[in-house]
Amino acid sequence: MLAQDELAGVVGLHRRVNEGDLGNLPHLRCITKLVLRLHPPLPLLLQESLRDCTIGGYTVPRGSRVWINNWAMCRDTALWRADAAAFRPSRFAGEGVDFRGADFQYLPFGSGRRACPRRSCPGMQLGMFAVELALAELLHCFDWSLPAGTGPNEIDMDDVFGLTALKAQRLCAVPSPWLSCPLL
């Protein structure tokens, strides 16, 4: 597993991940961005038009509230190619698509004035930090497998929609200790 190899190389196997390690884990950052694209925390975004405009032939008056289907946009094959649903973290490698609202095909935390798209936004940074650190801990401390008799194609990754997008079926995975330190 590439993420576990990266964690072993940066963190080692005798201590747990800390916040100082996150900047040295580019593959983990790509995985985090991909997970937030495939399963955005906000599947629908509410925006307000700041001026009169035309979108797709429709006139949108200033002050109108517009729902953006973030979930569909994050899976749009016109934006993400035919393999939009594929788990391919490398599409986020380098200085490519970012989560701060400048790349409108990828808005896991929303966009606009209220989304605070600047680099200094504490809420967005804290959210990204929390997701990355939790994912790093789960991947660094455990090796994950499917329950006996379950194949990868049998996993239901469908979402149920509401204010947030929850999994339709609970994801069942079996953890085995991977880290060789007594901190677990």
N, C-alpha and C. Protein backbone atom coordinates (compact mmCIF):
# COMPACT_ATOMS: atom_id res chain seq x y z
N MET A 1 0.85 -1.17 0.00
CA MET A 1 0.00 0.00 0.00
C MET A 1 0.90 1.24 0.00
N LEU A 2 0.73 2.11 -0.98
CA LEU A 2 1.59 3.29 -1.12
C LEU A 2 1.53 4.22 0.09
N ALA A 3 0.35 4.43 0.64
CA ALA A 3 0.22 5.34 1.78
C ALA A 3 0.96 4.79 2.99
N GLN A 4 0.86 3.50 3.24
CA GLN A 4 1.57 2.91 4.37
C GLN A 4 3.07 2.95 4.15
N ASP A 5 3.52 2.74 2.93
CA ASP A 5 4.95 2.86 2.63
C ASP A 5 5.44 4.28 2.87
N GLU A 6 4.65 5.26 2.44
CA GLU A 6 5.00 6.66 2.66
C GLU A 6 5.06 6.97 4.16
N LEU A 7 4.08 6.51 4.91
CA LEU A 7 4.06 6.73 6.36
C LEU A 7 5.25 6.06 7.04
N ALA A 8 5.57 4.84 6.63
CA ALA A 8 6.72 4.14 7.23
C ALA A 8 8.01 4.88 6.93
N GLY A 9 8.14 5.43 5.72
CA GLY A 9 9.35 6.17 5.35
C GLY A 9 9.49 7.50 6.07
N VAL A 10 8.40 8.19 6.29
CA VAL A 10 8.44 9.52 6.92
C VAL A 10 8.38 9.42 8.44
N VAL A 11 7.48 8.60 8.95
CA VAL A 11 7.23 8.53 10.39
C VAL A 11 8.02 7.39 11.05
N GLY A 12 8.23 6.30 10.31
CA GLY A 12 8.84 5.11 10.89
C GLY A 12 7.76 4.23 11.49
N LEU A 13 8.20 3.13 12.11
CA LEU A 13 7.25 2.18 12.67
C LEU A 13 7.28 2.15 14.20
N HIS A 14 7.98 3.09 14.81
CA HIS A 14 8.13 3.05 16.26
C HIS A 14 7.51 4.24 16.97
N ARG A 15 6.76 5.05 16.24
CA ARG A 15 6.03 6.16 16.85
C ARG A 15 4.78 6.43 16.03
N ARG A 16 3.90 7.23 16.61
CA ARG A 16 2.67 7.58 15.91
C ARG A 16 2.85 8.87 15.12
N VAL A 17 1.95 9.10 14.20
CA VAL A 17 1.97 10.30 13.36
C VAL A 17 1.68 11.52 14.22
N ASN A 18 2.35 12.63 13.94
CA ASN A 18 1.99 13.90 14.59
C ASN A 18 1.78 14.94 13.50
N GLU A 19 1.27 16.10 13.90
CA GLU A 19 0.90 17.12 12.91
C GLU A 19 2.08 17.59 12.08
N GLY A 20 3.29 17.53 12.63
CA GLY A 20 4.47 17.95 11.87
C GLY A 20 4.79 17.03 10.70
N ASP A 21 4.28 15.82 10.73
CA ASP A 21 4.54 14.85 9.66
C ASP A 21 3.68 15.09 8.42
N LEU A 22 2.53 15.72 8.59
CA LEU A 22 1.55 15.81 7.51
C LEU A 22 2.09 16.51 6.27
N GLY A 23 2.92 17.53 6.43
CA GLY A 23 3.47 18.24 5.28
C GLY A 23 4.43 17.41 4.44
N ASN A 24 4.89 16.29 4.99
CA ASN A 24 5.82 15.41 4.29
C ASN A 24 5.15 14.16 3.74
N LEU A 25 3.83 14.19 3.65
CA LEU A 25 3.07 13.03 3.19
C LEU A 25 2.20 13.41 1.98
N PRO A 26 2.84 13.68 0.82
CA PRO A 26 2.06 14.14 -0.35
C PRO A 26 1.05 13.11 -0.87
N HIS A 27 1.38 11.82 -0.80
CA HIS A 27 0.43 10.82 -1.29
C HIS A 27 -0.80 10.77 -0.39
N LEU A 28 -0.60 10.90 0.91
CA LEU A 28 -1.72 10.95 1.84
C LEU A 28 -2.61 12.15 1.55
N ARG A 29 -2.00 13.30 1.23
CA ARG A 29 -2.77 14.50 0.88
C ARG A 29 -3.61 14.23 -0.37
N CYS A 30 -3.04 13.55 -1.36
CA CYS A 30 -3.79 13.21 -2.58
C CYS A 30 -4.97 12.29 -2.27
N ILE A 31 -4.75 11.32 -1.38
CA ILE A 31 -5.83 10.41 -0.99
C ILE A 31 -6.95 11.18 -0.30
N THR A 32 -6.56 12.09 0.60
CA THR A 32 -7.56 12.90 1.32
C THR A 32 -8.39 13.72 0.35
N LYS A 33 -7.73 14.36 -0.62
CA LYS A 33 -8.46 15.16 -1.61
C LYS A 33 -9.40 14.28 -2.43
N LEU A 34 -8.94 13.09 -2.80
CA LEU A 34 -9.78 12.19 -3.59
C LEU A 34 -11.00 11.73 -2.79
N VAL A 35 -10.80 11.38 -1.53
CA VAL A 35 -11.92 10.95 -0.69
C VAL A 35 -12.93 12.09 -0.54
N LEU A 36 -12.45 13.32 -0.35
CA LEU A 36 -13.35 14.46 -0.22
C LEU A 36 -14.06 14.77 -1.55
N ARG A 37 -13.45 14.39 -2.68
CA ARG A 37 -14.13 14.57 -3.97
C ARG A 37 -15.20 13.51 -4.16
N LEU A 38 -14.87 12.26 -3.89
CA LEU A 38 -15.83 11.17 -4.11
C LEU A 38 -16.96 11.18 -3.08
N HIS A 39 -16.68 11.69 -1.89
CA HIS A 39 -17.68 11.74 -0.82
C HIS A 39 -17.61 13.11 -0.14
N PRO A 40 -18.08 14.16 -0.84
CA PRO A 40 -17.97 15.52 -0.29
C PRO A 40 -18.80 15.67 0.99
N PRO A 41 -18.27 16.40 1.98
CA PRO A 41 -19.03 16.60 3.21
C PRO A 41 -20.32 17.38 2.97
N LEU A 42 -20.34 18.23 1.95
CA LEU A 42 -21.54 18.99 1.60
C LEU A 42 -21.94 18.64 0.17
N PRO A 43 -22.87 17.70 -0.03
CA PRO A 43 -23.24 17.31 -1.39
C PRO A 43 -23.99 18.40 -2.15
N LEU A 44 -24.68 19.27 -1.42
CA LEU A 44 -25.38 20.40 -2.04
C LEU A 44 -24.86 21.69 -1.42
N LEU A 45 -24.53 22.66 -2.27
CA LEU A 45 -24.01 23.94 -1.81
C LEU A 45 -25.03 25.03 -2.13
N LEU A 46 -25.33 25.88 -1.18
CA LEU A 46 -26.24 26.99 -1.39
C LEU A 46 -25.43 28.26 -1.61
N GLN A 47 -25.64 28.91 -2.75
CA GLN A 47 -24.94 30.14 -3.09
C GLN A 47 -25.95 31.24 -3.37
N GLU A 48 -25.50 32.47 -3.31
CA GLU A 48 -26.34 33.62 -3.63
C GLU A 48 -25.67 34.39 -4.75
N SER A 49 -26.45 34.70 -5.79
CA SER A 49 -25.92 35.45 -6.93
C SER A 49 -25.65 36.89 -6.52
N LEU A 50 -24.42 37.36 -6.75
CA LEU A 50 -24.03 38.72 -6.39
C LEU A 50 -24.42 39.74 -7.45
N ARG A 51 -24.72 39.24 -8.66
CA ARG A 51 -25.14 40.14 -9.75
C ARG A 51 -26.01 39.34 -10.72
N ASP A 52 -26.73 40.05 -11.58
CA ASP A 52 -27.51 39.38 -12.62
C ASP A 52 -26.54 38.62 -13.52
N CYS A 53 -26.90 37.40 -13.88
CA CYS A 53 -26.05 36.62 -14.79
C CYS A 53 -26.91 35.61 -15.54
N THR A 54 -26.31 34.98 -16.53
CA THR A 54 -26.98 33.95 -17.30
C THR A 54 -26.15 32.68 -17.19
N ILE A 55 -26.80 31.59 -16.78
CA ILE A 55 -26.13 30.30 -16.65
C ILE A 55 -26.92 29.27 -17.43
N GLY A 56 -26.29 28.66 -18.42
CA GLY A 56 -26.95 27.64 -19.22
C GLY A 56 -28.21 28.14 -19.89
N GLY A 57 -28.25 29.41 -20.27
CA GLY A 57 -29.41 29.98 -20.94
C GLY A 57 -30.48 30.50 -19.99
N TYR A 58 -30.28 30.34 -18.71
CA TYR A 58 -31.25 30.83 -17.71
C TYR A 58 -30.74 32.11 -17.08
N THR A 59 -31.63 33.08 -16.93
CA THR A 59 -31.28 34.34 -16.27
C THR A 59 -31.41 34.15 -14.76
N VAL A 60 -30.33 34.49 -14.06
CA VAL A 60 -30.31 34.39 -12.60
C VAL A 60 -30.19 35.81 -12.06
N PRO A 61 -31.27 36.36 -11.48
CA PRO A 61 -31.22 37.73 -10.97
C PRO A 61 -30.32 37.84 -9.73
N ARG A 62 -29.79 39.03 -9.54
CA ARG A 62 -28.98 39.32 -8.36
C ARG A 62 -29.79 38.99 -7.10
N GLY A 63 -29.13 38.37 -6.12
CA GLY A 63 -29.80 38.02 -4.87
C GLY A 63 -30.49 36.67 -4.88
N SER A 64 -30.52 36.00 -6.03
CA SER A 64 -31.15 34.68 -6.11
C SER A 64 -30.30 33.65 -5.37
N ARG A 65 -30.98 32.71 -4.75
CA ARG A 65 -30.27 31.60 -4.12
C ARG A 65 -30.24 30.44 -5.10
N VAL A 66 -29.06 29.87 -5.25
CA VAL A 66 -28.84 28.81 -6.23
C VAL A 66 -28.24 27.61 -5.51
N TRP A 67 -28.84 26.43 -5.75
CA TRP A 67 -28.28 25.19 -5.22
C TRP A 67 -27.29 24.64 -6.24
N ILE A 68 -26.10 24.29 -5.79
CA ILE A 68 -25.09 23.67 -6.65
C ILE A 68 -24.98 22.21 -6.23
N ASN A 69 -25.14 21.31 -7.19
CA ASN A 69 -25.04 19.89 -6.90
C ASN A 69 -23.57 19.49 -6.90
N ASN A 70 -22.93 19.71 -5.76
CA ASN A 70 -21.51 19.43 -5.60
C ASN A 70 -21.21 17.95 -5.82
N TRP A 71 -22.09 17.07 -5.35
CA TRP A 71 -21.89 15.63 -5.49
C TRP A 71 -21.79 15.25 -6.97
N ALA A 72 -22.71 15.76 -7.79
CA ALA A 72 -22.70 15.44 -9.23
C ALA A 72 -21.49 16.07 -9.91
N MET A 73 -21.15 17.29 -9.53
CA MET A 73 -20.01 17.97 -10.13
C MET A 73 -18.71 17.21 -9.86
N CYS A 74 -18.60 16.63 -8.66
CA CYS A 74 -17.39 15.88 -8.30
C CYS A 74 -17.29 14.54 -9.02
N ARG A 75 -18.36 14.12 -9.69
CA ARG A 75 -18.36 12.87 -10.44
C ARG A 75 -18.56 13.08 -11.94
N ASP A 76 -18.57 14.30 -12.37
CA ASP A 76 -18.83 14.65 -13.76
C ASP A 76 -17.68 14.18 -14.65
N THR A 77 -17.99 13.29 -15.60
CA THR A 77 -16.94 12.76 -16.48
C THR A 77 -16.39 13.82 -17.43
N ALA A 78 -17.14 14.89 -17.67
CA ALA A 78 -16.62 15.99 -18.49
C ALA A 78 -15.50 16.73 -17.76
N LEU A 79 -15.55 16.74 -16.44
CA LEU A 79 -14.52 17.42 -15.64
C LEU A 79 -13.41 16.48 -15.18
N TRP A 80 -13.77 15.22 -14.90
CA TRP A 80 -12.83 14.28 -14.29
C TRP A 80 -12.50 13.09 -15.18
N ARG A 81 -12.86 13.14 -16.45
CA ARG A 81 -12.62 12.08 -17.42
C ARG A 81 -13.51 10.87 -17.17
N ALA A 82 -13.41 9.90 -18.05
CA ALA A 82 -14.29 8.73 -18.00
C ALA A 82 -14.11 7.93 -16.71
N ASP A 83 -12.94 8.03 -16.10
CA ASP A 83 -12.68 7.27 -14.87
C ASP A 83 -12.97 8.10 -13.61
N ALA A 84 -13.97 8.97 -13.68
CA ALA A 84 -14.28 9.88 -12.57
C ALA A 84 -14.51 9.14 -11.25
N ALA A 85 -15.08 7.95 -11.30
CA ALA A 85 -15.37 7.21 -10.07
C ALA A 85 -14.19 6.36 -9.60
N ALA A 86 -13.13 6.29 -10.38
CA ALA A 86 -11.98 5.45 -10.03
C ALA A 86 -11.19 6.05 -8.87
N PHE A 87 -10.66 5.17 -8.03
CA PHE A 87 -9.82 5.60 -6.91
C PHE A 87 -8.40 5.78 -7.46
N ARG A 88 -8.11 7.00 -7.89
CA ARG A 88 -6.80 7.32 -8.48
C ARG A 88 -6.28 8.61 -7.86
N PRO A 89 -5.61 8.51 -6.70
CA PRO A 89 -5.12 9.70 -6.00
C PRO A 89 -4.13 10.53 -6.82
N SER A 90 -3.45 9.91 -7.77
CA SER A 90 -2.43 10.63 -8.54
C SER A 90 -2.99 11.81 -9.31
N ARG A 91 -4.30 11.86 -9.54
CA ARG A 91 -4.89 13.01 -10.25
C ARG A 91 -4.75 14.30 -9.45
N PHE A 92 -4.42 14.20 -8.15
CA PHE A 92 -4.23 15.38 -7.31
C PHE A 92 -2.75 15.65 -7.02
N ALA A 93 -1.85 14.93 -7.67
CA ALA A 93 -0.41 15.12 -7.43
C ALA A 93 0.05 16.47 -7.96
N GLY A 94 1.09 16.99 -7.35
CA GLY A 94 1.65 18.28 -7.77
C GLY A 94 0.80 19.44 -7.30
N GLU A 95 0.84 20.51 -8.03
CA GLU A 95 0.11 21.73 -7.67
C GLU A 95 -1.22 21.80 -8.40
N GLY A 96 -1.81 20.67 -8.68
CA GLY A 96 -3.05 20.62 -9.45
C GLY A 96 -4.24 21.17 -8.72
N VAL A 97 -5.34 20.47 -8.77
CA VAL A 97 -6.63 20.91 -8.24
C VAL A 97 -6.56 21.06 -6.73
N ASP A 98 -7.08 22.19 -6.23
CA ASP A 98 -7.03 22.47 -4.81
C ASP A 98 -8.44 22.60 -4.24
N PHE A 99 -8.57 22.55 -2.93
CA PHE A 99 -9.87 22.54 -2.26
C PHE A 99 -10.33 23.91 -1.80
N ARG A 100 -9.64 24.97 -2.11
CA ARG A 100 -9.96 26.28 -1.55
C ARG A 100 -10.98 27.06 -2.38
N GLY A 101 -11.54 26.48 -3.42
CA GLY A 101 -12.61 27.15 -4.16
C GLY A 101 -12.17 27.78 -5.47
N ALA A 102 -10.87 27.75 -5.78
CA ALA A 102 -10.40 28.33 -7.04
C ALA A 102 -10.67 27.38 -8.21
N ASP A 103 -10.71 26.09 -7.94
CA ASP A 103 -10.99 25.08 -8.95
C ASP A 103 -12.45 24.66 -8.78
N PHE A 104 -13.31 25.16 -9.64
CA PHE A 104 -14.75 25.00 -9.41
C PHE A 104 -15.29 23.61 -9.71
N GLN A 105 -14.45 22.68 -10.16
CA GLN A 105 -14.91 21.31 -10.29
C GLN A 105 -14.71 20.54 -8.99
N TYR A 106 -14.06 21.19 -7.99
CA TYR A 106 -13.72 20.51 -6.74
C TYR A 106 -13.95 21.48 -5.58
N LEU A 107 -15.08 21.35 -4.90
CA LEU A 107 -15.45 22.29 -3.82
C LEU A 107 -15.91 21.54 -2.57
N PRO A 108 -15.07 20.71 -1.95
CA PRO A 108 -15.55 19.95 -0.80
C PRO A 108 -16.00 20.82 0.37
N PHE A 109 -15.46 22.04 0.48
CA PHE A 109 -15.82 22.94 1.58
C PHE A 109 -16.62 24.14 1.09
N GLY A 110 -17.15 24.08 -0.12
CA GLY A 110 -17.92 25.19 -0.66
C GLY A 110 -17.02 26.21 -1.35
N SER A 111 -17.62 27.36 -1.68
CA SER A 111 -16.90 28.40 -2.39
C SER A 111 -17.57 29.74 -2.12
N GLY A 112 -16.87 30.80 -2.43
CA GLY A 112 -17.44 32.14 -2.29
C GLY A 112 -17.01 32.81 -1.00
N ARG A 113 -17.63 33.97 -0.73
CA ARG A 113 -17.24 34.77 0.44
C ARG A 113 -17.38 33.99 1.74
N ARG A 114 -18.47 33.27 1.90
CA ARG A 114 -18.72 32.59 3.16
C ARG A 114 -17.90 31.31 3.30
N ALA A 115 -17.33 30.82 2.23
CA ALA A 115 -16.50 29.61 2.31
C ALA A 115 -15.07 29.95 2.67
N CYS A 116 -14.72 31.23 2.66
CA CYS A 116 -13.40 31.65 3.09
C CYS A 116 -12.31 30.96 2.27
N PRO A 117 -12.23 31.22 0.95
CA PRO A 117 -11.32 30.47 0.10
C PRO A 117 -9.85 30.82 0.24
N ARG A 118 -9.50 31.73 1.13
CA ARG A 118 -8.09 32.09 1.30
C ARG A 118 -7.34 30.97 2.02
N ARG A 119 -6.05 30.95 1.84
CA ARG A 119 -5.19 29.97 2.48
C ARG A 119 -5.29 30.05 4.00
N SER A 120 -5.60 31.22 4.55
CA SER A 120 -5.60 31.42 5.99
C SER A 120 -6.91 31.04 6.68
N CYS A 121 -7.87 30.52 5.95
CA CYS A 121 -9.17 30.19 6.54
C CYS A 121 -9.01 29.11 7.61
N PRO A 122 -9.27 29.44 8.87
CA PRO A 122 -9.04 28.46 9.94
C PRO A 122 -9.97 27.26 9.88
N GLY A 123 -11.24 27.45 9.53
CA GLY A 123 -12.17 26.33 9.49
C GLY A 123 -11.81 25.31 8.42
N MET A 124 -11.49 25.79 7.23
CA MET A 124 -11.13 24.91 6.13
C MET A 124 -9.82 24.19 6.44
N GLN A 125 -8.85 24.93 6.95
CA GLN A 125 -7.56 24.34 7.30
C GLN A 125 -7.71 23.31 8.42
N LEU A 126 -8.53 23.63 9.42
CA LEU A 126 -8.75 22.71 10.52
C LEU A 126 -9.46 21.44 10.04
N GLY A 127 -10.45 21.60 9.15
CA GLY A 127 -11.14 20.45 8.60
C GLY A 127 -10.20 19.54 7.82
N MET A 128 -9.37 20.13 6.97
CA MET A 128 -8.42 19.34 6.19
C MET A 128 -7.40 18.67 7.11
N PHE A 129 -6.91 19.40 8.10
CA PHE A 129 -5.95 18.86 9.06
C PHE A 129 -6.55 17.67 9.81
N ALA A 130 -7.79 17.82 10.28
CA ALA A 130 -8.43 16.75 11.05
C ALA A 130 -8.63 15.50 10.21
N VAL A 131 -9.06 15.66 8.97
CA VAL A 131 -9.27 14.51 8.08
C VAL A 131 -7.94 13.84 7.77
N GLU A 132 -6.91 14.63 7.44
CA GLU A 132 -5.60 14.06 7.12
C GLU A 132 -4.99 13.33 8.31
N LEU A 133 -5.05 13.93 9.49
CA LEU A 133 -4.46 13.30 10.67
C LEU A 133 -5.19 12.02 11.04
N ALA A 134 -6.51 12.03 10.98
CA ALA A 134 -7.29 10.82 11.27
C ALA A 134 -6.97 9.71 10.27
N LEU A 135 -6.92 10.05 8.99
CA LEU A 135 -6.60 9.06 7.96
C LEU A 135 -5.18 8.53 8.15
N ALA A 136 -4.24 9.42 8.44
CA ALA A 136 -2.85 9.00 8.67
C ALA A 136 -2.76 8.03 9.85
N GLU A 137 -3.46 8.34 10.94
CA GLU A 137 -3.45 7.45 12.11
C GLU A 137 -4.04 6.09 11.77
N LEU A 138 -5.16 6.07 11.07
CA LEU A 138 -5.80 4.80 10.72
C LEU A 138 -4.92 3.95 9.80
N LEU A 139 -4.26 4.58 8.85
CA LEU A 139 -3.41 3.84 7.92
C LEU A 139 -2.08 3.44 8.55
N HIS A 140 -1.56 4.28 9.45
CA HIS A 140 -0.26 4.01 10.06
C HIS A 140 -0.35 2.98 11.19
N CYS A 141 -1.42 2.98 11.93
CA CYS A 141 -1.55 2.08 13.08
C CYS A 141 -2.12 0.71 12.72
N PHE A 142 -2.82 0.63 11.59
CA PHE A 142 -3.50 -0.63 11.27
C PHE A 142 -3.31 -1.01 9.81
N ASP A 143 -3.33 -2.31 9.58
CA ASP A 143 -3.43 -2.85 8.24
C ASP A 143 -4.90 -3.25 8.10
N TRP A 144 -5.52 -2.90 6.99
CA TRP A 144 -6.96 -3.09 6.83
C TRP A 144 -7.25 -4.18 5.81
N SER A 145 -8.25 -5.00 6.09
CA SER A 145 -8.68 -6.02 5.14
C SER A 145 -10.20 -6.13 5.19
N LEU A 146 -10.73 -6.83 4.22
CA LEU A 146 -12.18 -7.07 4.17
C LEU A 146 -12.51 -8.29 5.02
N PRO A 147 -13.72 -8.38 5.52
CA PRO A 147 -14.12 -9.58 6.27
C PRO A 147 -13.97 -10.83 5.39
N ALA A 148 -13.72 -11.96 6.02
CA ALA A 148 -13.56 -13.21 5.29
C ALA A 148 -14.76 -13.46 4.38
N GLY A 149 -14.48 -13.85 3.16
CA GLY A 149 -15.53 -14.15 2.21
C GLY A 149 -16.10 -12.95 1.48
N THR A 150 -15.57 -11.75 1.73
CA THR A 150 -16.05 -10.54 1.06
C THR A 150 -15.02 -10.09 0.04
N GLY A 151 -15.45 -9.88 -1.19
CA GLY A 151 -14.56 -9.39 -2.23
C GLY A 151 -14.72 -7.89 -2.42
N PRO A 152 -13.73 -7.23 -3.01
CA PRO A 152 -13.80 -5.78 -3.21
C PRO A 152 -15.01 -5.32 -4.01
N ASN A 153 -15.47 -6.15 -4.95
CA ASN A 153 -16.62 -5.77 -5.78
C ASN A 153 -17.95 -5.91 -5.05
N GLU A 154 -17.93 -6.50 -3.86
CA GLU A 154 -19.15 -6.69 -3.08
C GLU A 154 -19.43 -5.53 -2.13
N ILE A 155 -18.54 -4.56 -2.07
CA ILE A 155 -18.70 -3.43 -1.15
C ILE A 155 -19.63 -2.40 -1.77
N ASP A 156 -20.65 -2.01 -1.04
CA ASP A 156 -21.60 -1.00 -1.49
C ASP A 156 -21.08 0.37 -1.10
N MET A 157 -20.67 1.17 -2.07
CA MET A 157 -20.14 2.50 -1.81
C MET A 157 -21.16 3.60 -2.11
N ASP A 158 -22.44 3.23 -2.26
CA ASP A 158 -23.49 4.21 -2.53
C ASP A 158 -23.71 5.12 -1.33
N ASP A 159 -24.17 6.33 -1.61
CA ASP A 159 -24.46 7.31 -0.57
C ASP A 159 -25.96 7.48 -0.42
N VAL A 160 -26.37 7.93 0.76
CA VAL A 160 -27.74 8.35 1.03
C VAL A 160 -27.67 9.85 1.25
N PHE A 161 -28.53 10.59 0.57
CA PHE A 161 -28.42 12.04 0.60
C PHE A 161 -29.33 12.68 1.62
N GLY A 162 -28.81 13.72 2.20
CA GLY A 162 -29.52 14.57 3.14
C GLY A 162 -28.70 15.85 3.22
N LEU A 163 -28.63 16.43 4.39
CA LEU A 163 -27.78 17.60 4.57
C LEU A 163 -26.33 17.24 4.30
N THR A 164 -25.95 16.02 4.69
CA THR A 164 -24.64 15.47 4.35
C THR A 164 -24.88 14.15 3.62
N ALA A 165 -23.83 13.60 3.02
CA ALA A 165 -23.95 12.33 2.30
C ALA A 165 -23.41 11.21 3.18
N LEU A 166 -24.29 10.35 3.64
CA LEU A 166 -23.89 9.21 4.46
C LEU A 166 -23.82 7.97 3.58
N LYS A 167 -23.12 6.94 4.05
CA LYS A 167 -23.06 5.69 3.32
C LYS A 167 -24.42 4.99 3.41
N ALA A 168 -24.85 4.39 2.31
CA ALA A 168 -26.12 3.65 2.29
C ALA A 168 -26.00 2.40 3.16
N GLN A 169 -24.86 1.76 3.10
CA GLN A 169 -24.58 0.57 3.91
C GLN A 169 -23.31 0.84 4.72
N ARG A 170 -23.28 0.35 5.93
CA ARG A 170 -22.08 0.52 6.74
C ARG A 170 -20.90 -0.19 6.08
N LEU A 171 -19.77 0.46 6.12
CA LEU A 171 -18.55 -0.13 5.58
C LEU A 171 -17.93 -1.00 6.67
N CYS A 172 -17.68 -2.24 6.36
CA CYS A 172 -17.11 -3.17 7.32
C CYS A 172 -15.70 -3.52 6.87
N ALA A 173 -14.71 -3.19 7.70
CA ALA A 173 -13.32 -3.51 7.43
C ALA A 173 -12.70 -4.06 8.71
N VAL A 174 -11.71 -4.91 8.55
CA VAL A 174 -11.08 -5.58 9.69
C VAL A 174 -9.69 -4.99 9.91
N PRO A 175 -9.46 -4.34 11.08
CA PRO A 175 -8.13 -3.79 11.36
C PRO A 175 -7.23 -4.83 12.02
N SER A 176 -5.96 -4.82 11.63
CA SER A 176 -4.93 -5.62 12.29
C SER A 176 -3.81 -4.66 12.66
N PRO A 177 -3.26 -4.74 13.88
CA PRO A 177 -2.18 -3.82 14.26
C PRO A 177 -1.02 -3.89 13.26
N TRP A 178 -0.54 -2.73 12.85
CA TRP A 178 0.56 -2.66 11.88
C TRP A 178 1.76 -1.96 12.50
N LEU A 179 1.52 -0.98 13.33
CA LEU A 179 2.58 -0.21 13.96
C LEU A 179 3.24 -1.06 15.04
N SER A 180 4.57 -1.01 15.13
CA SER A 180 5.27 -1.86 16.09
C SER A 180 5.64 -1.13 17.37
N CYS A 181 4.91 -0.10 17.73
CA CYS A 181 5.18 0.57 19.01
C CYS A 181 4.09 0.22 20.01
N PRO A 182 4.39 0.29 21.30
CA PRO A 182 3.41 -0.12 22.31
C PRO A 182 2.36 0.94 22.62
N LEU A 183 2.16 1.91 21.75
CA LEU A 183 1.25 3.01 22.02
C LEU A 183 -0.20 2.68 21.72
N LEU A 184 -0.46 1.55 21.11
CA LEU A 184 -1.83 1.22 20.72
C LEU A 184 -2.63 0.67 21.87
